[in-house]
Amino acid sequence: MIKTILFDLDGTLWHSENCIAEAIFNTILDSGGKNINQEDVFTKLRKGASFTSILSEFRIMSLNKYWKFYASNLDKIRLFFENTQETMKVLKSNDKKIGFVTSLKKEFAFKLLNQFNLLRYGDVIVTPSETRARKPSPKPLLIAINYLKGDVENTIYIGDQDVDILAAKNAGCLSGLVLWHNNNKIKEKPDFSFNKLSDIISL
């Protein structure tokens, strides 16, 4: 029986591709890059490239400009499902422990969770501020599980990318893949797949 549910954020609970793409594009332009357009950025993101890898192609290593542009575009981020709060309420009423494990910068993770009224549902939030280890390292997940006093075998980590599935496997817990935001080919096989967020209630 699954007792603990850990969620990724970007691409899982909310759609932030437009915000990320615009921040990348403006960062490159502001840094003197010219041979790129917004559609090129979207194409790279949909093929699975991270914002840091795209910026590094233009020899941009400092992320200060990127985060400044990202912060100015938070209004472009939307939840995938309007009933996200209701789904979280049901999960909590079913005595599920809920945590958020994300690669998103801490200030933005908290700001967006608060913006969408989801902050109160998370019993723990693990961001890069809590650990420098990045997925597919199991460390962020294990930190969350340990904080919740959970058991790995009764925990599922739900995300939208191969690194999320791998992180779950490396941590020894179950993996869940959301199917509403898979623009790039998923190679790893998850334990569960979900067509909509409310499907998670049946766990």
C-alpha atoms as a PDB file:
ATOM      1  CA  MET A   1       0.000   0.000   0.000  1.00  0.00           C
ATOM      2  CA  ILE A   2       1.352   3.407  -1.000  1.00  0.00           C
ATOM      3  CA  LYS A   3       1.459   5.738   1.991  1.00  0.00           C
ATOM      4  CA  THR A   4       3.761   8.500   0.731  1.00  0.00           C
ATOM      5  CA  ILE A   5       3.416  10.380  -2.556  1.00  0.00           C
ATOM      6  CA  LEU A   6       6.229  12.643  -3.742  1.00  0.00           C
ATOM      7  CA  PHE A   7       5.630  15.002  -6.659  1.00  0.00           C
ATOM      8  CA  ASP A   8       7.927  16.701  -9.120  1.00  0.00           C
ATOM      9  CA  LEU A   9       6.668  20.231  -9.923  1.00  0.00           C
ATOM     10  CA  ASP A  10       7.604  21.602 -13.374  1.00  0.00           C
ATOM     11  CA  GLY A  11       5.949  19.538 -16.094  1.00  0.00           C
ATOM     12  CA  THR A  12       4.058  17.494 -13.518  1.00  0.00           C
ATOM     13  CA  LEU A  13       1.760  19.814 -11.567  1.00  0.00           C
ATOM     14  CA  TRP A  14       2.171  22.917 -13.690  1.00  0.00           C
ATOM     15  CA  HIS A  15       3.105  23.870 -17.249  1.00  0.00           C
ATOM     16  CA  SER A  16       6.076  26.235 -17.296  1.00  0.00           C
ATOM     17  CA  GLU A  17       7.505  25.670 -20.778  1.00  0.00           C
ATOM     18  CA  ASN A  18       6.542  29.144 -22.015  1.00  0.00           C
ATOM     19  CA  CYS A  19       8.151  30.799 -18.983  1.00  0.00           C
ATOM     20  CA  ILE A  20      11.340  28.746 -19.306  1.00  0.00           C
ATOM     21  CA  ALA A  21      11.629  29.213 -23.081  1.00  0.00           C
ATOM     22  CA  GLU A  22      11.179  32.973 -22.862  1.00  0.00           C
ATOM     23  CA  ALA A  23      13.703  33.236 -20.017  1.00  0.00           C
ATOM     24  CA  ILE A  24      16.262  31.236 -22.027  1.00  0.00           C
ATOM     25  CA  PHE A  25      15.661  33.280 -25.176  1.00  0.00           C
ATOM     26  CA  ASN A  26      15.934  36.636 -23.383  1.00  0.00           C
ATOM     27  CA  THR A  27      19.042  35.519 -21.484  1.00  0.00           C
ATOM     28  CA  ILE A  28      20.781  34.565 -24.731  1.00  0.00           C
ATOM     29  CA  LEU A  29      19.784  37.823 -26.414  1.00  0.00           C
ATOM     30  CA  ASP A  30      20.840  39.890 -23.415  1.00  0.00           C
ATOM     31  CA  SER A  31      24.202  38.096 -23.447  1.00  0.00           C
ATOM     32  CA  GLY A  32      24.841  38.968 -27.093  1.00  0.00           C
ATOM     33  CA  GLY A  33      23.555  35.801 -28.733  1.00  0.00           C
ATOM     34  CA  LYS A  34      21.869  36.309 -32.089  1.00  0.00           C
ATOM     35  CA  ASN A  35      21.646  32.993 -33.942  1.00  0.00           C
ATOM     36  CA  ILE A  36      18.580  31.663 -32.163  1.00  0.00           C
ATOM     37  CA  ASN A  37      14.832  32.223 -32.102  1.00  0.00           C
ATOM     38  CA  GLN A  38      12.129  31.192 -29.652  1.00  0.00           C
ATOM     39  CA  GLU A  39      11.051  28.212 -31.739  1.00  0.00           C
ATOM     40  CA  ASP A  40      14.617  26.865 -31.601  1.00  0.00           C
ATOM     41  CA  VAL A  41      14.422  27.050 -27.810  1.00  0.00           C
ATOM     42  CA  PHE A  42      11.068  25.235 -27.726  1.00  0.00           C
ATOM     43  CA  THR A  43      12.435  22.513 -30.003  1.00  0.00           C
ATOM     44  CA  LYS A  44      15.443  21.938 -27.745  1.00  0.00           C
ATOM     45  CA  LEU A  45      13.269  21.812 -24.616  1.00  0.00           C
ATOM     46  CA  ARG A  46      10.850  19.338 -26.212  1.00  0.00           C
ATOM     47  CA  LYS A  47      13.755  17.082 -27.083  1.00  0.00           C
ATOM     48  CA  GLY A  48      14.644  16.924 -23.411  1.00  0.00           C
ATOM     49  CA  ALA A  49      17.381  19.577 -23.160  1.00  0.00           C
ATOM     50  CA  SER A  50      17.646  21.408 -19.832  1.00  0.00           C
ATOM     51  CA  PHE A  51      17.789  25.198 -19.627  1.00  0.00           C
ATOM     52  CA  THR A  52      21.368  24.975 -18.338  1.00  0.00           C
ATOM     53  CA  SER A  53      22.501  22.842 -21.286  1.00  0.00           C
ATOM     54  CA  ILE A  54      20.917  25.243 -23.773  1.00  0.00           C
ATOM     55  CA  LEU A  55      22.574  28.247 -22.130  1.00  0.00           C
ATOM     56  CA  SER A  56      25.926  26.458 -22.053  1.00  0.00           C
ATOM     57  CA  GLU A  57      25.750  26.109 -25.853  1.00  0.00           C
ATOM     58  CA  PHE A  58      26.089  29.895 -25.899  1.00  0.00           C
ATOM     59  CA  ARG A  59      28.818  29.826 -23.248  1.00  0.00           C
ATOM     60  CA  ILE A  60      26.492  31.263 -20.628  1.00  0.00           C
ATOM     61  CA  MET A  61      27.438  29.734 -17.288  1.00  0.00           C
ATOM     62  CA  SER A  62      26.089  32.305 -14.839  1.00  0.00           C
ATOM     63  CA  LEU A  63      22.355  31.810 -14.240  1.00  0.00           C
ATOM     64  CA  ASN A  64      21.671  35.220 -12.682  1.00  0.00           C
ATOM     65  CA  LYS A  65      20.161  36.685 -15.852  1.00  0.00           C
ATOM     66  CA  TYR A  66      18.128  33.544 -16.488  1.00  0.00           C
ATOM     67  CA  TRP A  67      16.520  33.611 -13.045  1.00  0.00           C
ATOM     68  CA  LYS A  68      15.797  37.337 -13.398  1.00  0.00           C
ATOM     69  CA  PHE A  69      13.900  36.731 -16.644  1.00  0.00           C
ATOM     70  CA  TYR A  70      12.258  33.609 -15.192  1.00  0.00           C
ATOM     71  CA  ALA A  71      10.963  35.634 -12.245  1.00  0.00           C
ATOM     72  CA  SER A  72       9.397  38.198 -14.580  1.00  0.00           C
ATOM     73  CA  ASN A  73       7.429  35.492 -16.416  1.00  0.00           C
ATOM     74  CA  LEU A  74       5.797  33.581 -13.555  1.00  0.00           C
ATOM     75  CA  ASP A  75       2.378  34.760 -14.738  1.00  0.00           C
ATOM     76  CA  LYS A  76       2.807  32.514 -17.802  1.00  0.00           C
ATOM     77  CA  ILE A  77       2.849  29.364 -15.625  1.00  0.00           C
ATOM     78  CA  ARG A  78      -0.426  27.435 -15.345  1.00  0.00           C
ATOM     79  CA  LEU A  79      -1.620  24.325 -13.552  1.00  0.00           C
ATOM     80  CA  PHE A  80      -2.351  21.423 -15.869  1.00  0.00           C
ATOM     81  CA  PHE A  81      -5.604  20.642 -14.051  1.00  0.00           C
ATOM     82  CA  GLU A  82      -8.076  22.981 -12.383  1.00  0.00           C
ATOM     83  CA  ASN A  83      -8.939  20.326  -9.791  1.00  0.00           C
ATOM     84  CA  THR A  84      -5.358  20.035  -8.489  1.00  0.00           C
ATOM     85  CA  GLN A  85      -6.309  21.371  -5.044  1.00  0.00           C
ATOM     86  CA  GLU A  86      -9.264  19.019  -4.825  1.00  0.00           C
ATOM     87  CA  THR A  87      -7.046  16.059  -5.734  1.00  0.00           C
ATOM     88  CA  MET A  88      -4.560  17.000  -3.019  1.00  0.00           C
ATOM     89  CA  LYS A  89      -7.378  17.334  -0.482  1.00  0.00           C
ATOM     90  CA  VAL A  90      -8.625  13.835  -1.270  1.00  0.00           C
ATOM     91  CA  LEU A  91      -5.115  12.386  -0.998  1.00  0.00           C
ATOM     92  CA  LYS A  92      -4.664  14.011   2.418  1.00  0.00           C
ATOM     93  CA  SER A  93      -8.080  12.767   3.547  1.00  0.00           C
ATOM     94  CA  ASN A  94      -6.920   9.276   2.531  1.00  0.00           C
ATOM     95  CA  ASP A  95      -4.018   9.666   4.989  1.00  0.00           C
ATOM     96  CA  LYS A  96      -1.367  10.009   2.302  1.00  0.00           C
ATOM     97  CA  LYS A  97       1.804  11.881   3.167  1.00  0.00           C
ATOM     98  CA  ILE A  98       2.592  14.371   0.401  1.00  0.00           C
ATOM     99  CA  GLY A  99       5.951  15.838  -0.502  1.00  0.00           C
ATOM    100  CA  PHE A 100       7.384  17.924  -3.331  1.00  0.00           C
ATOM    101  CA  VAL A 101      10.848  17.150  -4.710  1.00  0.00           C
ATOM    102  CA  THR A 102      12.005  19.554  -7.402  1.00  0.00           C
ATOM    103  CA  SER A 103      15.060  20.893  -9.208  1.00  0.00           C
ATOM    104  CA  LEU A 104      13.417  24.318  -9.225  1.00  0.00           C
ATOM    105  CA  LYS A 105      15.092  27.080  -7.248  1.00  0.00           C
ATOM    106  CA  LYS A 106      13.697  27.239  -3.711  1.00  0.00           C
ATOM    107  CA  GLU A 107      12.241  30.748  -3.847  1.00  0.00           C
ATOM    108  CA  PHE A 108      10.286  29.950  -7.016  1.00  0.00           C
ATOM    109  CA  ALA A 109       9.111  26.539  -5.806  1.00  0.00           C
ATOM    110  CA  PHE A 110       7.621  28.145  -2.693  1.00  0.00           C
ATOM    111  CA  LYS A 111       6.273  31.148  -4.584  1.00  0.00           C
ATOM    112  CA  LEU A 112       4.473  29.013  -7.173  1.00  0.00           C
ATOM    113  CA  LEU A 113       3.156  26.500  -4.657  1.00  0.00           C
ATOM    114  CA  ASN A 114       1.749  29.418  -2.692  1.00  0.00           C
ATOM    115  CA  GLN A 115       0.430  31.063  -5.872  1.00  0.00           C
ATOM    116  CA  PHE A 116      -1.556  27.918  -6.690  1.00  0.00           C
ATOM    117  CA  ASN A 117      -2.613  27.355  -3.042  1.00  0.00           C
ATOM    118  CA  LEU A 118      -0.745  24.052  -2.879  1.00  0.00           C
ATOM    119  CA  LEU A 119       1.841  24.915  -0.230  1.00  0.00           C
ATOM    120  CA  ARG A 120      -0.358  23.686   2.623  1.00  0.00           C
ATOM    121  CA  TYR A 121      -0.592  20.177   1.161  1.00  0.00           C
ATOM    122  CA  GLY A 122       3.141  19.482   1.175  1.00  0.00           C
ATOM    123  CA  ASP A 123       4.498  17.850   4.322  1.00  0.00           C
ATOM    124  CA  VAL A 124       8.025  18.416   2.979  1.00  0.00           C
ATOM    125  CA  ILE A 125       9.598  20.342   0.095  1.00  0.00           C
ATOM    126  CA  VAL A 126      13.065  19.392  -1.152  1.00  0.00           C
ATOM    127  CA  THR A 127      14.814  21.788  -3.543  1.00  0.00           C
ATOM    128  CA  PRO A 128      18.478  22.207  -4.594  1.00  0.00           C
ATOM    129  CA  SER A 129      18.896  24.317  -1.434  1.00  0.00           C
ATOM    130  CA  GLU A 130      18.542  21.161   0.663  1.00  0.00           C
ATOM    131  CA  THR A 131      20.952  19.104  -1.426  1.00  0.00           C
ATOM    132  CA  ARG A 132      23.335  19.750  -4.282  1.00  0.00           C
ATOM    133  CA  ALA A 133      22.608  16.294  -5.657  1.00  0.00           C
ATOM    134  CA  ARG A 134      20.421  16.397  -8.746  1.00  0.00           C
ATOM    135  CA  LYS A 135      18.121  13.753 -10.158  1.00  0.00           C
ATOM    136  CA  PRO A 136      18.642  10.936 -11.074  1.00  0.00           C
ATOM    137  CA  SER A 137      20.511  10.881  -7.758  1.00  0.00           C
ATOM    138  CA  PRO A 138      18.222   9.336  -5.128  1.00  0.00           C
ATOM    139  CA  LYS A 139      19.395  11.774  -2.439  1.00  0.00           C
ATOM    140  CA  PRO A 140      16.593  14.402  -2.806  1.00  0.00           C
ATOM    141  CA  LEU A 141      13.952  11.661  -2.589  1.00  0.00           C
ATOM    142  CA  LEU A 142      15.622   9.957   0.365  1.00  0.00           C
ATOM    143  CA  ILE A 143      15.796  13.282   2.219  1.00  0.00           C
ATOM    144  CA  ALA A 144      12.037  13.712   1.736  1.00  0.00           C
ATOM    145  CA  ILE A 145      11.235  10.126   2.738  1.00  0.00           C
ATOM    146  CA  ASN A 146      13.426  10.362   5.824  1.00  0.00           C
ATOM    147  CA  TYR A 147      11.796  13.650   6.889  1.00  0.00           C
ATOM    148  CA  LEU A 148       8.348  12.072   6.517  1.00  0.00           C
ATOM    149  CA  LYS A 149       9.494   8.982   8.412  1.00  0.00           C
ATOM    150  CA  GLY A 150       8.271   6.938   5.480  1.00  0.00           C
ATOM    151  CA  ASP A 151       9.373   3.642   3.973  1.00  0.00           C
ATOM    152  CA  VAL A 152      10.831   3.570   0.466  1.00  0.00           C
ATOM    153  CA  GLU A 153       8.765   0.515  -0.485  1.00  0.00           C
ATOM    154  CA  ASN A 154       5.540   2.395   0.363  1.00  0.00           C
ATOM    155  CA  THR A 155       6.569   5.574  -1.492  1.00  0.00           C
ATOM    156  CA  ILE A 156       5.995   6.684  -5.075  1.00  0.00           C
ATOM    157  CA  TYR A 157       7.715   9.553  -6.864  1.00  0.00           C
ATOM    158  CA  ILE A 158       5.683  11.052  -9.699  1.00  0.00           C
ATOM    159  CA  GLY A 159       7.266  13.076 -12.502  1.00  0.00           C
ATOM    160  CA  ASP A 160       7.361  13.674 -16.242  1.00  0.00           C
ATOM    161  CA  GLN A 161      10.905  12.747 -17.284  1.00  0.00           C
ATOM    162  CA  ASP A 162      13.309   9.827 -17.413  1.00  0.00           C
ATOM    163  CA  VAL A 163      15.385  11.351 -14.598  1.00  0.00           C
ATOM    164  CA  ASP A 164      12.322  11.228 -12.341  1.00  0.00           C
ATOM    165  CA  ILE A 165      11.804   7.527 -13.020  1.00  0.00           C
ATOM    166  CA  LEU A 166      15.511   6.822 -12.526  1.00  0.00           C
ATOM    167  CA  ALA A 167      15.632   8.823  -9.282  1.00  0.00           C
ATOM    168  CA  ALA A 168      12.744   6.740  -7.933  1.00  0.00           C
ATOM    169  CA  LYS A 169      14.416   3.482  -8.961  1.00  0.00           C
ATOM    170  CA  ASN A 170      17.724   4.572  -7.453  1.00  0.00           C
ATOM    171  CA  ALA A 171      15.955   5.433  -4.199  1.00  0.00           C
ATOM    172  CA  GLY A 172      14.239   2.032  -4.120  1.00  0.00           C
ATOM    173  CA  CYS A 173      10.728   3.462  -4.310  1.00  0.00           C
ATOM    174  CA  LEU A 174       7.989   3.206  -6.937  1.00  0.00           C
ATOM    175  CA  SER A 175       7.950   5.482  -9.962  1.00  0.00           C
ATOM    176  CA  GLY A 176       5.000   7.232 -11.596  1.00  0.00           C
ATOM    177  CA  LEU A 177       4.935   8.919 -15.007  1.00  0.00           C
ATOM    178  CA  VAL A 178       2.442  11.634 -15.956  1.00  0.00           C
ATOM    179  CA  LEU A 179       1.276  11.370 -19.559  1.00  0.00           C
ATOM    180  CA  TRP A 180      -0.001  14.922 -20.043  1.00  0.00           C
ATOM    181  CA  HIS A 181       3.398  16.504 -20.641  1.00  0.00           C
ATOM    182  CA  ASN A 182       5.596  14.038 -22.473  1.00  0.00           C
ATOM    183  CA  ASN A 183       6.882  15.910 -25.492  1.00  0.00           C
ATOM    184  CA  ASN A 184      10.120  13.952 -25.526  1.00  0.00           C
ATOM    185  CA  LYS A 185      10.475  10.201 -25.802  1.00  0.00           C
ATOM    186  CA  ILE A 186      10.533   8.422 -22.459  1.00  0.00           C
ATOM    187  CA  LYS A 187      12.979   5.531 -22.403  1.00  0.00           C
ATOM    188  CA  GLU A 188      12.569   4.344 -18.830  1.00  0.00           C
ATOM    189  CA  LYS A 189       9.628   2.169 -17.777  1.00  0.00           C
ATOM    190  CA  PRO A 190       7.672   3.496 -14.780  1.00  0.00           C
ATOM    191  CA  ASP A 191       5.738   1.382 -12.309  1.00  0.00           C
ATOM    192  CA  PHE A 192       2.619   3.481 -12.873  1.00  0.00           C
ATOM    193  CA  SER A 193       1.378   5.876 -15.567  1.00  0.00           C
ATOM    194  CA  PHE A 194      -1.326   8.516 -15.150  1.00  0.00           C
ATOM    195  CA  ASN A 195      -3.554  10.111 -17.791  1.00  0.00           C
ATOM    196  CA  LYS A 196      -4.820  12.812 -15.433  1.00  0.00           C
ATOM    197  CA  LEU A 197      -3.882  14.008 -11.961  1.00  0.00           C
ATOM    198  CA  SER A 198      -7.020  12.653 -10.269  1.00  0.00           C
ATOM    199  CA  ASP A 199      -6.015   9.109 -11.369  1.00  0.00           C
ATOM    200  CA  ILE A 200      -3.460   9.230  -8.545  1.00  0.00           C
ATOM    201  CA  ILE A 201      -6.293   9.032  -6.007  1.00  0.00           C
ATOM    202  CA  SER A 202      -6.723   5.347  -6.835  1.00  0.00           C
ATOM    203  CA  LEU A 203      -3.221   4.487  -5.500  1.00  0.00           C
END
